[in-house]
N, C-alpha and C. Protein backbone atom coordinates (compact mmCIF):
# COMPACT_ATOMS: atom_id res chain seq x y z
N MET A 1 101.98 64.32 130.42
CA MET A 1 100.74 63.00 129.75
C MET A 1 101.82 63.19 129.39
N ARG A 2 102.00 61.21 129.15
CA ARG A 2 103.53 61.62 128.40
C ARG A 2 103.40 61.39 126.74
N ARG A 3 104.12 62.78 126.58
CA ARG A 3 104.19 61.99 124.24
C ARG A 3 104.80 60.85 124.15
N SER A 4 103.84 61.12 122.84
CA SER A 4 104.18 59.21 121.97
C SER A 4 106.13 59.17 121.47
N TYR A 5 106.54 57.92 121.06
CA TYR A 5 107.27 58.64 119.90
C TYR A 5 107.22 59.15 118.56
N ASP A 6 107.59 59.79 118.26
CA ASP A 6 108.16 60.50 117.39
C ASP A 6 109.12 60.03 115.94
N PRO A 7 109.12 58.72 114.53
CA PRO A 7 110.42 58.99 113.65
C PRO A 7 111.20 59.87 113.70
N HIS A 8 110.03 61.52 112.73
CA HIS A 8 110.20 62.10 112.43
C HIS A 8 110.97 63.20 113.29
N TYR A 9 111.24 62.88 114.13
CA TYR A 9 112.05 63.91 114.75
C TYR A 9 113.68 63.39 115.56
N GLY A 10 113.54 62.09 114.69
CA GLY A 10 114.62 61.31 115.42
C GLY A 10 115.17 60.82 116.25
N SER A 11 115.61 60.23 116.87
CA SER A 11 116.10 59.60 117.77
C SER A 11 116.04 59.68 118.72
N ARG A 12 116.06 58.97 120.45
CA ARG A 12 115.53 59.88 121.73
C ARG A 12 116.77 60.78 122.22
N GLU A 13 118.52 60.01 121.42
CA GLU A 13 119.85 60.11 121.33
C GLU A 13 119.65 61.45 120.76
N GLN A 14 119.42 61.04 118.66
CA GLN A 14 119.92 62.59 118.66
C GLN A 14 118.85 63.45 119.55
N LEU A 15 118.27 63.91 119.94
CA LEU A 15 116.96 64.04 120.62
C LEU A 15 118.25 65.80 121.96
N ARG A 16 119.03 64.70 121.86
CA ARG A 16 119.56 64.90 123.17
C ARG A 16 120.61 65.09 123.11
N ASP A 17 121.22 64.75 122.12
CA ASP A 17 122.50 65.11 121.27
C ASP A 17 122.72 65.94 120.23
N SER A 18 121.42 66.87 120.09
CA SER A 18 120.87 67.76 119.62
C SER A 18 121.16 69.17 120.51
N ALA A 19 120.37 68.16 121.58
CA ALA A 19 119.91 69.92 122.51
C ALA A 19 121.51 69.90 123.17
N GLU A 20 122.01 68.95 123.59
CA GLU A 20 123.13 69.54 124.42
C GLU A 20 124.04 70.12 123.31
N HIS A 21 124.21 69.91 122.48
CA HIS A 21 125.52 70.76 121.26
C HIS A 21 124.88 71.82 121.28
N GLY A 22 123.53 72.49 120.92
CA GLY A 22 122.75 73.54 121.32
C GLY A 22 123.02 73.99 122.18
N MET A 23 123.09 73.82 123.42
CA MET A 23 124.20 73.77 124.81
C MET A 23 125.35 75.02 124.46
N LYS A 24 125.71 73.92 123.85
CA LYS A 24 127.82 74.25 124.49
C LYS A 24 127.67 75.57 122.75
N VAL A 25 127.53 75.77 121.85
CA VAL A 25 126.38 76.60 121.33
C VAL A 25 126.81 77.52 122.53
N MET A 26 126.06 77.71 122.63
CA MET A 26 124.77 78.70 123.68
C MET A 26 126.00 79.62 124.59
N ARG A 27 126.62 78.16 125.23
CA ARG A 27 127.27 79.06 125.93
C ARG A 27 128.64 79.35 125.23
N GLU A 28 129.06 78.70 124.73
CA GLU A 28 130.22 79.15 123.34
C GLU A 28 130.02 81.11 123.21
N ARG A 29 128.99 80.78 122.66
CA ARG A 29 128.54 81.85 122.40
C ARG A 29 128.38 83.40 123.32
N ASP A 30 127.94 82.68 124.45
CA ASP A 30 128.30 83.73 125.54
C ASP A 30 129.20 83.71 126.30
N ALA A 31 130.48 82.82 125.71
CA ALA A 31 131.91 83.32 125.88
C ALA A 31 132.29 84.37 125.14
N LEU A 32 132.29 84.04 123.50
CA LEU A 32 132.10 85.15 123.28
C LEU A 32 131.36 86.87 123.47
N LYS A 33 130.74 86.55 123.47
CA LYS A 33 129.97 87.73 124.00
C LYS A 33 130.58 88.53 125.13
N THR A 34 131.85 88.07 125.63
CA THR A 34 131.70 88.57 127.01
C THR A 34 133.22 88.43 127.04
N GLU A 35 133.69 87.81 126.05
CA GLU A 35 135.20 88.54 125.54
C GLU A 35 134.61 90.14 124.54
N ASN A 36 134.49 89.68 124.04
CA ASN A 36 133.46 91.43 122.71
C ASN A 36 133.44 92.55 123.57
N GLU A 37 133.03 92.29 124.89
CA GLU A 37 132.22 93.39 125.71
C GLU A 37 133.91 94.12 125.85
N GLN A 38 134.47 93.06 126.66
CA GLN A 38 135.90 93.52 127.46
C GLN A 38 136.73 94.12 126.21
N LEU A 39 136.52 93.65 125.36
CA LEU A 39 137.54 94.32 124.33
C LEU A 39 137.27 95.92 123.67
N ASN A 40 135.83 95.42 124.13
CA ASN A 40 134.95 96.80 123.68
C ASN A 40 135.04 98.02 124.61
N HIS A 41 135.12 97.91 125.57
CA HIS A 41 135.79 98.57 127.33
C HIS A 41 136.90 99.01 127.01
N GLY A 42 137.95 98.06 126.44
CA GLY A 42 139.47 98.08 126.77
C GLY A 42 139.81 99.67 125.24
N ILE A 43 138.92 99.23 124.15
CA ILE A 43 138.51 100.00 123.40
C ILE A 43 138.56 101.30 124.12
N GLU A 44 137.25 101.25 124.92
CA GLU A 44 136.67 102.81 125.00
C GLU A 44 137.82 103.33 125.68
N GLN A 45 138.00 102.74 126.91
CA GLN A 45 139.45 103.48 127.89
C GLN A 45 140.80 103.78 126.40
N VAL A 46 140.84 102.80 125.60
CA VAL A 46 142.18 104.10 125.07
C VAL A 46 141.87 104.88 124.18
N ASN A 47 140.70 105.10 123.59
CA ASN A 47 140.26 106.20 123.21
C ASN A 47 140.10 107.45 124.12
N ALA A 48 139.69 106.92 125.03
CA ALA A 48 139.42 108.60 126.06
C ALA A 48 140.85 108.84 126.41
N ILE A 49 141.85 108.36 126.23
CA ILE A 49 143.29 108.16 126.66
C ILE A 49 143.92 109.13 125.85
N ASN A 50 143.23 108.41 124.55
CA ASN A 50 144.09 109.29 123.23
C ASN A 50 143.45 110.39 123.04
N THR A 51 142.60 110.50 123.24
CA THR A 51 141.22 112.15 123.88
C THR A 51 142.07 113.11 124.75
N GLU A 52 142.71 112.43 125.57
CA GLU A 52 142.69 113.21 126.23
C GLU A 52 144.79 113.75 125.76
N LEU A 53 145.18 112.72 125.62
CA LEU A 53 146.93 113.05 124.92
C LEU A 53 146.74 114.13 123.91
N ASN A 54 145.74 113.68 122.72
CA ASN A 54 145.58 114.97 121.95
C ASN A 54 145.71 116.24 121.93
N TRP A 55 144.23 116.73 123.52
CA TRP A 55 144.29 117.35 123.50
C TRP A 55 145.67 118.25 124.27
N ARG A 56 146.58 117.02 125.09
CA ARG A 56 147.55 117.99 125.83
C ARG A 56 147.87 118.36 125.34
N ILE A 57 148.43 118.08 124.49
CA ILE A 57 149.63 118.02 123.01
C ILE A 57 149.34 119.17 122.46
N GLN A 58 147.93 119.10 122.31
CA GLN A 58 146.94 120.43 121.33
C GLN A 58 147.81 121.55 121.96
N GLN A 59 148.01 121.56 123.39
CA GLN A 59 147.97 122.78 124.29
C GLN A 59 149.35 122.79 124.67
N LEU A 60 150.13 121.62 124.59
CA LEU A 60 151.26 122.37 124.46
C LEU A 60 151.98 122.48 123.13
N THR A 61 151.67 122.62 121.87
CA THR A 61 151.84 122.90 120.73
C THR A 61 151.65 124.54 120.75
N ASP A 62 150.72 124.56 121.24
CA ASP A 62 150.18 126.31 121.36
C ASP A 62 151.20 126.70 122.21
N GLU A 63 151.78 126.47 123.40
CA GLU A 63 152.36 127.00 124.13
C GLU A 63 153.64 126.85 123.40
N VAL A 64 153.95 126.27 122.54
CA VAL A 64 155.88 126.47 122.31
C VAL A 64 155.30 127.66 121.52
N THR A 65 154.08 127.62 120.82
CA THR A 65 153.85 128.19 119.61
C THR A 65 154.02 130.25 119.87
N GLU A 66 154.34 129.50 121.73
CA GLU A 66 153.30 131.45 122.41
C GLU A 66 155.16 131.77 122.64
N LEU A 67 156.07 131.06 123.65
CA LEU A 67 156.94 130.81 123.39
C LEU A 67 158.59 131.51 122.53
N LYS A 68 158.41 130.91 121.52
CA LYS A 68 158.81 131.59 119.93
C LYS A 68 157.94 132.34 119.42
N ALA A 69 157.11 132.71 119.79
CA ALA A 69 156.90 134.36 119.26
C ALA A 69 157.69 135.23 120.45
N LEU A 70 157.43 134.55 121.04
CA LEU A 70 157.82 135.23 122.69
C LEU A 70 159.41 135.65 122.45
N ILE A 71 160.22 134.93 121.82
CA ILE A 71 161.56 135.23 121.63
C ILE A 71 161.98 135.71 120.77
N ALA A 72 160.72 135.11 119.62
CA ALA A 72 161.20 136.61 118.22
C ALA A 72 161.58 137.85 118.70
N TYR A 73 160.39 138.12 119.54
CA TYR A 73 160.06 139.16 120.31
C TYR A 73 161.37 139.97 120.63
N MET A 74 161.62 139.46 121.96
CA MET A 74 162.81 139.97 122.37
C MET A 74 163.87 139.83 121.32
N THR A 75 163.94 139.06 120.69
CA THR A 75 165.44 139.40 119.94
C THR A 75 165.51 140.10 119.13
N GLU A 76 164.76 140.35 118.23
CA GLU A 76 164.46 141.65 117.21
C GLU A 76 164.28 143.13 118.46
N GLY A 77 163.80 143.24 119.63
CA GLY A 77 163.25 144.00 120.39
C GLY A 77 165.35 144.91 120.41
N GLU A 78 166.41 143.76 121.29
CA GLU A 78 168.02 143.98 121.53
C GLU A 78 168.49 144.33 119.68
């Protein structure tokens, strides 16, 4: 059954333009969501790398401290 024209909703052209605009906005939103997800994934990767680097720096710092103590022991013992 065909609906009758209701002037409260505007002309058919206005309805079509509104629907087309809504679809355009939805496509733009979807593109932005995808870009945001990619950026978030990149941030997660950077955070994982930073965590690993911080862990390695701590290991190296501990090794340097041990070596300094060993050098001090060896120089004092002579």
